[in-house]
Amino acid sequence: MAIVKVTEKGQVTLPIELRRRLRISKDDYLMIEADGNVLKVRKLSEKKLLASDDPIWDFVGQYASGQKDVSAQHDQYLAEGERKRWRKR
């Protein structure tokens, strides 16, 4: 357990032992929630982008539109939709 002091701006410094153990570094995000009189601090993990060869891309858009090449032709379909909207005006 560590004791830290709250600054005038409400800031606290996390002790180096905790930062090292939890691998918390500059620009990381922490979630803080209150549970009664207890503050819970949790490190948020980074979202990792899906690789281009991830099998999920085979399913993206397949069922909503019935077209099977939506993931490969995404930009083309968006452009066609924009052109149709502009023509209606």
PDB file of N, CA and C in Angstrom:
ATOM      1  N   MET A   1       0.852  -1.176   0.000  1.00  0.00           N
ATOM      2  CA  MET A   1       0.000   0.000   0.000  1.00  0.00           C
ATOM      3  C   MET A   1       0.890   1.229   0.000  1.00  0.00           C
ATOM      4  N   ALA A   2       0.451   2.252  -0.714  1.00  0.00           N
ATOM      5  CA  ALA A   2       1.195   3.503  -0.784  1.00  0.00           C
ATOM      6  C   ALA A   2       0.282   4.652  -0.391  1.00  0.00           C
ATOM      7  N   ILE A   3       0.854   5.667   0.209  1.00  0.00           N
ATOM      8  CA  ILE A   3       0.116   6.883   0.562  1.00  0.00           C
ATOM      9  C   ILE A   3       0.623   7.993  -0.338  1.00  0.00           C
ATOM     10  N   VAL A   4      -0.312   8.674  -1.005  1.00  0.00           N
ATOM     11  CA  VAL A   4       0.040   9.784  -1.894  1.00  0.00           C
ATOM     12  C   VAL A   4      -0.765  11.009  -1.490  1.00  0.00           C
ATOM     13  N   LYS A   5      -0.253  12.164  -1.847  1.00  0.00           N
ATOM     14  CA  LYS A   5      -0.911  13.428  -1.505  1.00  0.00           C
ATOM     15  C   LYS A   5      -1.614  13.979  -2.744  1.00  0.00           C
ATOM     16  N   VAL A   6      -2.803  14.513  -2.555  1.00  0.00           N
ATOM     17  CA  VAL A   6      -3.564  15.127  -3.643  1.00  0.00           C
ATOM     18  C   VAL A   6      -3.146  16.587  -3.748  1.00  0.00           C
ATOM     19  N   THR A   7      -2.838  17.040  -4.974  1.00  0.00           N
ATOM     20  CA  THR A   7      -2.438  18.429  -5.179  1.00  0.00           C
ATOM     21  C   THR A   7      -3.662  19.330  -5.240  1.00  0.00           C
ATOM     22  N   GLU A   8      -3.414  20.626  -5.313  1.00  0.00           N
ATOM     23  CA  GLU A   8      -4.484  21.617  -5.412  1.00  0.00           C
ATOM     24  C   GLU A   8      -5.376  21.373  -6.628  1.00  0.00           C
ATOM     25  N   LYS A   9      -4.796  20.833  -7.690  1.00  0.00           N
ATOM     26  CA  LYS A   9      -5.546  20.557  -8.917  1.00  0.00           C
ATOM     27  C   LYS A   9      -6.181  19.162  -8.903  1.00  0.00           C
ATOM     28  N   GLY A  10      -6.089  18.446  -7.817  1.00  0.00           N
ATOM     29  CA  GLY A  10      -6.681  17.114  -7.729  1.00  0.00           C
ATOM     30  C   GLY A  10      -5.812  16.017  -8.305  1.00  0.00           C
ATOM     31  N   GLN A  11      -4.550  16.310  -8.532  1.00  0.00           N
ATOM     32  CA  GLN A  11      -3.649  15.325  -9.121  1.00  0.00           C
ATOM     33  C   GLN A  11      -2.952  14.503  -8.040  1.00  0.00           C
ATOM     34  N   VAL A  12      -2.638  13.255  -8.405  1.00  0.00           N
ATOM     35  CA  VAL A  12      -1.843  12.399  -7.531  1.00  0.00           C
ATOM     36  C   VAL A  12      -0.720  11.792  -8.370  1.00  0.00           C
ATOM     37  N   THR A  13       0.363  11.433  -7.715  1.00  0.00           N
ATOM     38  CA  THR A  13       1.461  10.757  -8.388  1.00  0.00           C
ATOM     39  C   THR A  13       1.409   9.289  -8.030  1.00  0.00           C
ATOM     40  N   LEU A  14       1.387   8.441  -9.048  1.00  0.00           N
ATOM     41  CA  LEU A  14       1.398   7.013  -8.802  1.00  0.00           C
ATOM     42  C   LEU A  14       2.826   6.589  -8.472  1.00  0.00           C
ATOM     43  N   PRO A  15       3.012   5.865  -7.402  1.00  0.00           N
ATOM     44  CA  PRO A  15       4.368   5.435  -7.033  1.00  0.00           C
ATOM     45  C   PRO A  15       5.003   4.597  -8.142  1.00  0.00           C
ATOM     46  N   ILE A  16       6.304   4.746  -8.298  1.00  0.00           N
ATOM     47  CA  ILE A  16       7.038   4.078  -9.372  1.00  0.00           C
ATOM     48  C   ILE A  16       6.885   2.558  -9.312  1.00  0.00           C
ATOM     49  N   GLU A  17       6.804   1.998  -8.101  1.00  0.00           N
ATOM     50  CA  GLU A  17       6.664   0.538  -7.986  1.00  0.00           C
ATOM     51  C   GLU A  17       5.371   0.066  -8.649  1.00  0.00           C
ATOM     52  N   LEU A  18       4.285   0.817  -8.436  1.00  0.00           N
ATOM     53  CA  LEU A  18       3.004   0.457  -9.037  1.00  0.00           C
ATOM     54  C   LEU A  18       3.016   0.664 -10.552  1.00  0.00           C
ATOM     55  N   ARG A  19       3.620   1.777 -10.983  1.00  0.00           N
ATOM     56  CA  ARG A  19       3.691   2.033 -12.432  1.00  0.00           C
ATOM     57  C   ARG A  19       4.475   0.939 -13.138  1.00  0.00           C
ATOM     58  N   ARG A  20       5.570   0.512 -12.523  1.00  0.00           N
ATOM     59  CA  ARG A  20       6.375  -0.555 -13.141  1.00  0.00           C
ATOM     60  C   ARG A  20       5.612  -1.882 -13.141  1.00  0.00           C
ATOM     61  N   ARG A  21       5.007  -2.216 -12.011  1.00  0.00           N
ATOM     62  CA  ARG A  21       4.307  -3.500 -11.903  1.00  0.00           C
ATOM     63  C   ARG A  21       3.137  -3.594 -12.880  1.00  0.00           C
ATOM     64  N   LEU A  22       2.415  -2.484 -13.058  1.00  0.00           N
ATOM     65  CA  LEU A  22       1.257  -2.470 -13.953  1.00  0.00           C
ATOM     66  C   LEU A  22       1.588  -1.979 -15.361  1.00  0.00           C
ATOM     67  N   ARG A  23       2.863  -1.677 -15.577  1.00  0.00           N
ATOM     68  CA  ARG A  23       3.336  -1.171 -16.872  1.00  0.00           C
ATOM     69  C   ARG A  23       2.550   0.055 -17.319  1.00  0.00           C
ATOM     70  N   ILE A  24       2.415   0.987 -16.407  1.00  0.00           N
ATOM     71  CA  ILE A  24       1.747   2.258 -16.692  1.00  0.00           C
ATOM     72  C   ILE A  24       2.822   3.260 -17.082  1.00  0.00           C
ATOM     73  N   SER A  25       2.639   3.875 -18.236  1.00  0.00           N
ATOM     74  CA  SER A  25       3.623   4.856 -18.687  1.00  0.00           C
ATOM     75  C   SER A  25       2.916   6.099 -19.215  1.00  0.00           C
ATOM     76  N   LYS A  26       3.715   7.071 -19.607  1.00  0.00           N
ATOM     77  CA  LYS A  26       3.209   8.341 -20.121  1.00  0.00           C
ATOM     78  C   LYS A  26       2.185   8.097 -21.230  1.00  0.00           C
ATOM     79  N   ASP A  27       1.100   8.841 -21.197  1.00  0.00           N
ATOM     80  CA  ASP A  27       0.018   8.809 -22.184  1.00  0.00           C
ATOM     81  C   ASP A  27      -0.893   7.585 -22.084  1.00  0.00           C
ATOM     82  N   ASP A  28      -0.673   6.710 -21.106  1.00  0.00           N
ATOM     83  CA  ASP A  28      -1.624   5.620 -20.866  1.00  0.00           C
ATOM     84  C   ASP A  28      -2.884   6.207 -20.242  1.00  0.00           C
ATOM     85  N   TYR A  29      -4.001   5.521 -20.399  1.00  0.00           N
ATOM     86  CA  TYR A  29      -5.259   5.956 -19.809  1.00  0.00           C
ATOM     87  C   TYR A  29      -5.637   5.031 -18.661  1.00  0.00           C
ATOM     88  N   LEU A  30      -6.174   5.639 -17.608  1.00  0.00           N
ATOM     89  CA  LEU A  30      -6.638   4.907 -16.443  1.00  0.00           C
ATOM     90  C   LEU A  30      -8.114   5.196 -16.245  1.00  0.00           C
ATOM     91  N   MET A  31      -8.869   4.182 -15.849  1.00  0.00           N
ATOM     92  CA  MET A  31     -10.277   4.374 -15.528  1.00  0.00           C
ATOM     93  C   MET A  31     -10.379   4.420 -14.007  1.00  0.00           C
ATOM     94  N   ILE A  32     -11.078   5.416 -13.504  1.00  0.00           N
ATOM     95  CA  ILE A  32     -11.238   5.578 -12.058  1.00  0.00           C
ATOM     96  C   ILE A  32     -12.725   5.560 -11.738  1.00  0.00           C
ATOM     97  N   GLU A  33     -13.108   4.724 -10.777  1.00  0.00           N
ATOM     98  CA  GLU A  33     -14.503   4.673 -10.356  1.00  0.00           C
ATOM     99  C   GLU A  33     -14.574   4.636  -8.840  1.00  0.00           C
ATOM    100  N   ALA A  34     -15.659   5.156  -8.310  1.00  0.00           N
ATOM    101  CA  ALA A  34     -15.873   5.172  -6.868  1.00  0.00           C
ATOM    102  C   ALA A  34     -16.760   3.999  -6.482  1.00  0.00           C
ATOM    103  N   ASP A  35     -16.373   3.333  -5.409  1.00  0.00           N
ATOM    104  CA  ASP A  35     -17.156   2.239  -4.837  1.00  0.00           C
ATOM    105  C   ASP A  35     -17.255   2.544  -3.345  1.00  0.00           C
ATOM    106  N   GLY A  36     -18.296   3.303  -2.989  1.00  0.00           N
ATOM    107  CA  GLY A  36     -18.379   3.796  -1.611  1.00  0.00           C
ATOM    108  C   GLY A  36     -17.272   4.803  -1.380  1.00  0.00           C
ATOM    109  N   ASN A  37     -16.465   4.576  -0.358  1.00  0.00           N
ATOM    110  CA  ASN A  37     -15.325   5.455  -0.066  1.00  0.00           C
ATOM    111  C   ASN A  37     -14.032   4.974  -0.710  1.00  0.00           C
ATOM    112  N   VAL A  38     -14.130   3.993  -1.586  1.00  0.00           N
ATOM    113  CA  VAL A  38     -12.944   3.405  -2.214  1.00  0.00           C
ATOM    114  C   VAL A  38     -12.877   3.848  -3.668  1.00  0.00           C
ATOM    115  N   LEU A  39     -11.693   4.290  -4.101  1.00  0.00           N
ATOM    116  CA  LEU A  39     -11.463   4.597  -5.508  1.00  0.00           C
ATOM    117  C   LEU A  39     -10.787   3.398  -6.142  1.00  0.00           C
ATOM    118  N   LYS A  40     -11.325   2.959  -7.261  1.00  0.00           N
ATOM    119  CA  LYS A  40     -10.726   1.856  -8.010  1.00  0.00           C
ATOM    120  C   LYS A  40     -10.106   2.426  -9.271  1.00  0.00           C
ATOM    121  N   VAL A  41      -8.848   2.093  -9.487  1.00  0.00           N
ATOM    122  CA  VAL A  41      -8.118   2.580 -10.652  1.00  0.00           C
ATOM    123  C   VAL A  41      -7.741   1.370 -11.494  1.00  0.00           C
ATOM    124  N   ARG A  42      -8.058   1.452 -12.775  1.00  0.00           N
ATOM    125  CA  ARG A  42      -7.784   0.333 -13.676  1.00  0.00           C
ATOM    126  C   ARG A  42      -7.114   0.869 -14.930  1.00  0.00           C
ATOM    127  N   LYS A  43      -6.039   0.214 -15.348  1.00  0.00           N
ATOM    128  CA  LYS A  43      -5.374   0.595 -16.585  1.00  0.00           C
ATOM    129  C   LYS A  43      -6.212   0.101 -17.756  1.00  0.00           C
ATOM    130  N   LEU A  44      -6.446   0.989 -18.727  1.00  0.00           N
ATOM    131  CA  LEU A  44      -7.177   0.603 -19.928  1.00  0.00           C
ATOM    132  C   LEU A  44      -6.192   0.034 -20.935  1.00  0.00           C
ATOM    133  N   SER A  45      -6.553  -1.077 -21.519  1.00  0.00           N
ATOM    134  CA  SER A  45      -5.675  -1.679 -22.522  1.00  0.00           C
ATOM    135  C   SER A  45      -5.928  -1.018 -23.866  1.00  0.00           C
ATOM    136  N   GLU A  46      -4.904  -1.024 -24.690  1.00  0.00           N
ATOM    137  CA  GLU A  46      -5.033  -0.433 -26.019  1.00  0.00           C
ATOM    138  C   GLU A  46      -5.844  -1.348 -26.912  1.00  0.00           C
ATOM    139  N   LYS A  47      -6.627  -0.741 -27.765  1.00  0.00           N
ATOM    140  CA  LYS A  47      -7.366  -1.501 -28.771  1.00  0.00           C
ATOM    141  C   LYS A  47      -6.414  -1.777 -29.918  1.00  0.00           C
ATOM    142  N   LYS A  48      -6.323  -3.013 -30.308  1.00  0.00           N
ATOM    143  CA  LYS A  48      -5.454  -3.374 -31.420  1.00  0.00           C
ATOM    144  C   LYS A  48      -6.293  -3.530 -32.669  1.00  0.00           C
ATOM    145  N   LEU A  49      -5.828  -2.939 -33.752  1.00  0.00           N
ATOM    146  CA  LEU A  49      -6.542  -3.032 -35.013  1.00  0.00           C
ATOM    147  C   LEU A  49      -6.447  -4.451 -35.551  1.00  0.00           C
ATOM    148  N   LEU A  50      -7.478  -4.865 -36.243  1.00  0.00           N
ATOM    149  CA  LEU A  50      -7.467  -6.187 -36.848  1.00  0.00           C
ATOM    150  C   LEU A  50      -6.514  -6.206 -38.030  1.00  0.00           C
ATOM    151  N   ALA A  51      -5.810  -7.300 -38.178  1.00  0.00           N
ATOM    152  CA  ALA A  51      -4.909  -7.454 -39.313  1.00  0.00           C
ATOM    153  C   ALA A  51      -5.736  -7.611 -40.588  1.00  0.00           C
ATOM    154  N   SER A  52      -5.149  -7.253 -41.703  1.00  0.00           N
ATOM    155  CA  SER A  52      -5.882  -7.332 -42.969  1.00  0.00           C
ATOM    156  C   SER A  52      -6.229  -8.771 -43.340  1.00  0.00           C
ATOM    157  N   ASP A  53      -5.508  -9.743 -42.797  1.00  0.00           N
ATOM    158  CA  ASP A  53      -5.801 -11.142 -43.108  1.00  0.00           C
ATOM    159  C   ASP A  53      -6.697 -11.810 -42.060  1.00  0.00           C
ATOM    160  N   ASP A  54      -7.258 -11.013 -41.140  1.00  0.00           N
ATOM    161  CA  ASP A  54      -8.150 -11.571 -40.126  1.00  0.00           C
ATOM    162  C   ASP A  54      -9.417 -12.093 -40.811  1.00  0.00           C
ATOM    163  N   PRO A  55      -9.852 -13.304 -40.477  1.00  0.00           N
ATOM    164  CA  PRO A  55     -11.026 -13.893 -41.137  1.00  0.00           C
ATOM    165  C   PRO A  55     -12.313 -13.096 -40.968  1.00  0.00           C
ATOM    166  N   ILE A  56     -12.395 -12.227 -39.975  1.00  0.00           N
ATOM    167  CA  ILE A  56     -13.628 -11.458 -39.763  1.00  0.00           C
ATOM    168  C   ILE A  56     -13.947 -10.577 -40.966  1.00  0.00           C
ATOM    169  N   TRP A  57     -12.905 -10.150 -41.688  1.00  0.00           N
ATOM    170  CA  TRP A  57     -13.138  -9.275 -42.840  1.00  0.00           C
ATOM    171  C   TRP A  57     -13.942  -9.980 -43.929  1.00  0.00           C
ATOM    172  N   ASP A  58     -13.932 -11.301 -43.945  1.00  0.00           N
ATOM    173  CA  ASP A  58     -14.740 -12.036 -44.928  1.00  0.00           C
ATOM    174  C   ASP A  58     -16.238 -11.847 -44.685  1.00  0.00           C
ATOM    175  N   PHE A  59     -16.602 -11.481 -43.461  1.00  0.00           N
ATOM    176  CA  PHE A  59     -18.015 -11.363 -43.110  1.00  0.00           C
ATOM    177  C   PHE A  59     -18.529  -9.930 -43.092  1.00  0.00           C
ATOM    178  N   VAL A  60     -17.637  -8.958 -43.097  1.00  0.00           N
ATOM    179  CA  VAL A  60     -18.041  -7.562 -42.981  1.00  0.00           C
ATOM    180  C   VAL A  60     -18.926  -7.175 -44.151  1.00  0.00           C
ATOM    181  N   GLY A  61     -20.144  -6.755 -43.836  1.00  0.00           N
ATOM    182  CA  GLY A  61     -21.067  -6.289 -44.850  1.00  0.00           C
ATOM    183  C   GLY A  61     -21.723  -7.370 -45.675  1.00  0.00           C
ATOM    184  N   GLN A  62     -21.317  -8.601 -45.519  1.00  0.00           N
ATOM    185  CA  GLN A  62     -21.828  -9.677 -46.360  1.00  0.00           C
ATOM    186  C   GLN A  62     -23.322  -9.891 -46.184  1.00  0.00           C
ATOM    187  N   TYR A  63     -23.806  -9.834 -44.974  1.00  0.00           N
ATOM    188  CA  TYR A  63     -25.195 -10.177 -44.732  1.00  0.00           C
ATOM    189  C   TYR A  63     -26.146  -8.991 -44.827  1.00  0.00           C
ATOM    190  N   ALA A  64     -25.676  -7.812 -44.565  1.00  0.00           N
ATOM    191  CA  ALA A  64     -26.549  -6.650 -44.620  1.00  0.00           C
ATOM    192  C   ALA A  64     -26.916  -6.303 -46.061  1.00  0.00           C
ATOM    193  N   SER A  65     -25.958  -6.380 -46.970  1.00  0.00           N
ATOM    194  CA  SER A  65     -26.212  -5.963 -48.346  1.00  0.00           C
ATOM    195  C   SER A  65     -26.348  -7.128 -49.312  1.00  0.00           C
ATOM    196  N   GLY A  66     -25.901  -8.300 -48.893  1.00  0.00           N
ATOM    197  CA  GLY A  66     -25.924  -9.443 -49.795  1.00  0.00           C
ATOM    198  C   GLY A  66     -24.729  -9.485 -50.728  1.00  0.00           C
ATOM    199  N   GLN A  67     -23.894  -8.457 -50.702  1.00  0.00           N
ATOM    200  CA  GLN A  67     -22.712  -8.434 -51.552  1.00  0.00           C
ATOM    201  C   GLN A  67     -21.534  -9.003 -50.763  1.00  0.00           C
ATOM    202  N   LYS A  68     -20.769  -9.876 -51.399  1.00  0.00           N
ATOM    203  CA  LYS A  68     -19.710 -10.582 -50.692  1.00  0.00           C
ATOM    204  C   LYS A  68     -18.355  -9.894 -50.746  1.00  0.00           C
ATOM    205  N   ASP A  69     -18.232  -8.835 -51.512  1.00  0.00           N
ATOM    206  CA  ASP A  69     -16.920  -8.197 -51.653  1.00  0.00           C
ATOM    207  C   ASP A  69     -16.863  -6.824 -50.979  1.00  0.00           C
ATOM    208  N   VAL A  70     -17.715  -6.588 -49.995  1.00  0.00           N
ATOM    209  CA  VAL A  70     -17.790  -5.272 -49.367  1.00  0.00           C
ATOM    210  C   VAL A  70     -16.467  -4.884 -48.711  1.00  0.00           C
ATOM    211  N   SER A  71     -15.805  -5.827 -48.047  1.00  0.00           N
ATOM    212  CA  SER A  71     -14.562  -5.468 -47.372  1.00  0.00           C
ATOM    213  C   SER A  71     -13.484  -5.062 -48.378  1.00  0.00           C
ATOM    214  N   ALA A  72     -13.461  -5.678 -49.545  1.00  0.00           N
ATOM    215  CA  ALA A  72     -12.461  -5.354 -50.555  1.00  0.00           C
ATOM    216  C   ALA A  72     -12.829  -4.103 -51.341  1.00  0.00           C
ATOM    217  N   GLN A  73     -14.124  -3.868 -51.533  1.00  0.00           N
ATOM    218  CA  GLN A  73     -14.592  -2.763 -52.372  1.00  0.00           C
ATOM    219  C   GLN A  73     -15.250  -1.647 -51.555  1.00  0.00           C
ATOM    220  N   HIS A  74     -14.926  -1.552 -50.293  1.00  0.00           N
ATOM    221  CA  HIS A  74     -15.554  -0.609 -49.374  1.00  0.00           C
ATOM    222  C   HIS A  74     -15.582   0.817 -49.908  1.00  0.00           C
ATOM    223  N   ASP A  75     -14.419   1.338 -50.314  1.00  0.00           N
ATOM    224  CA  ASP A  75     -14.346   2.726 -50.785  1.00  0.00           C
ATOM    225  C   ASP A  75     -15.195   2.946 -52.031  1.00  0.00           C
ATOM    226  N   GLN A  76     -15.195   1.958 -52.923  1.00  0.00           N
ATOM    227  CA  GLN A  76     -15.986   2.089 -54.146  1.00  0.00           C
ATOM    228  C   GLN A  76     -17.473   2.179 -53.817  1.00  0.00           C
ATOM    229  N   TYR A  77     -17.955   1.343 -52.905  1.00  0.00           N
ATOM    230  CA  TYR A  77     -19.364   1.382 -52.527  1.00  0.00           C
ATOM    231  C   TYR A  77     -19.727   2.705 -51.847  1.00  0.00           C
ATOM    232  N   LEU A  78     -18.831   3.212 -51.025  1.00  0.00           N
ATOM    233  CA  LEU A  78     -19.092   4.508 -50.396  1.00  0.00           C
ATOM    234  C   LEU A  78     -19.197   5.612 -51.442  1.00  0.00           C
ATOM    235  N   ALA A  79     -18.279   5.603 -52.405  1.00  0.00           N
ATOM    236  CA  ALA A  79     -18.287   6.626 -53.453  1.00  0.00           C
ATOM    237  C   ALA A  79     -19.560   6.538 -54.286  1.00  0.00           C
ATOM    238  N   GLU A  80     -19.983   5.328 -54.612  1.00  0.00           N
ATOM    239  CA  GLU A  80     -21.222   5.163 -55.387  1.00  0.00           C
ATOM    240  C   GLU A  80     -22.424   5.691 -54.610  1.00  0.00           C
ATOM    241  N   GLY A  81     -22.463   5.422 -53.326  1.00  0.00           N
ATOM    242  CA  GLY A  81     -23.553   5.932 -52.495  1.00  0.00           C
ATOM    243  C   GLY A  81     -23.574   7.442 -52.454  1.00  0.00           C
ATOM    244  N   GLU A  82     -22.407   8.067 -52.352  1.00  0.00           N
ATOM    245  CA  GLU A  82     -22.327   9.534 -52.357  1.00  0.00           C
ATOM    246  C   GLU A  82     -22.801  10.096 -53.687  1.00  0.00           C
ATOM    247  N   ARG A  83     -22.388   9.470 -54.789  1.00  0.00           N
ATOM    248  CA  ARG A  83     -22.816   9.947 -56.114  1.00  0.00           C
ATOM    249  C   ARG A  83     -24.333   9.873 -56.244  1.00  0.00           C
ATOM    250  N   LYS A  84     -24.934   8.788 -55.777  1.00  0.00           N
ATOM    251  CA  LYS A  84     -26.391   8.645 -55.858  1.00  0.00           C
ATOM    252  C   LYS A  84     -27.096   9.722 -55.042  1.00  0.00           C
ATOM    253  N   ARG A  85     -26.553  10.023 -53.859  1.00  0.00           N
ATOM    254  CA  ARG A  85     -27.175  11.060 -53.038  1.00  0.00           C
ATOM    255  C   ARG A  85     -27.072  12.419 -53.689  1.00  0.00           C
ATOM    256  N   TRP A  86     -25.930  12.714 -54.313  1.00  0.00           N
ATOM    257  CA  TRP A  86     -25.754  14.010 -54.976  1.00  0.00           C
ATOM    258  C   TRP A  86     -26.674  14.127 -56.187  1.00  0.00           C
ATOM    259  N   ARG A  87     -26.892  13.048 -56.898  1.00  0.00           N
ATOM    260  CA  ARG A  87     -27.761  13.084 -58.084  1.00  0.00           C
ATOM    261  C   ARG A  87     -29.208  13.340 -57.696  1.00  0.00           C
ATOM    262  N   LYS A  88     -29.620  12.896 -56.532  1.00  0.00           N
ATOM    263  CA  LYS A  88     -30.995  13.106 -56.077  1.00  0.00           C
ATOM    264  C   LYS A  88     -31.277  14.575 -55.755  1.00  0.00           C
ATOM    265  N   ARG A  89     -30.267  15.334 -55.480  1.00  0.00           N
ATOM    266  CA  ARG A  89     -30.442  16.750 -55.117  1.00  0.00           C
ATOM    267  C   ARG A  89     -30.713  17.574 -56.295  1.00  0.00           C
TER     268      ARG A  89
END
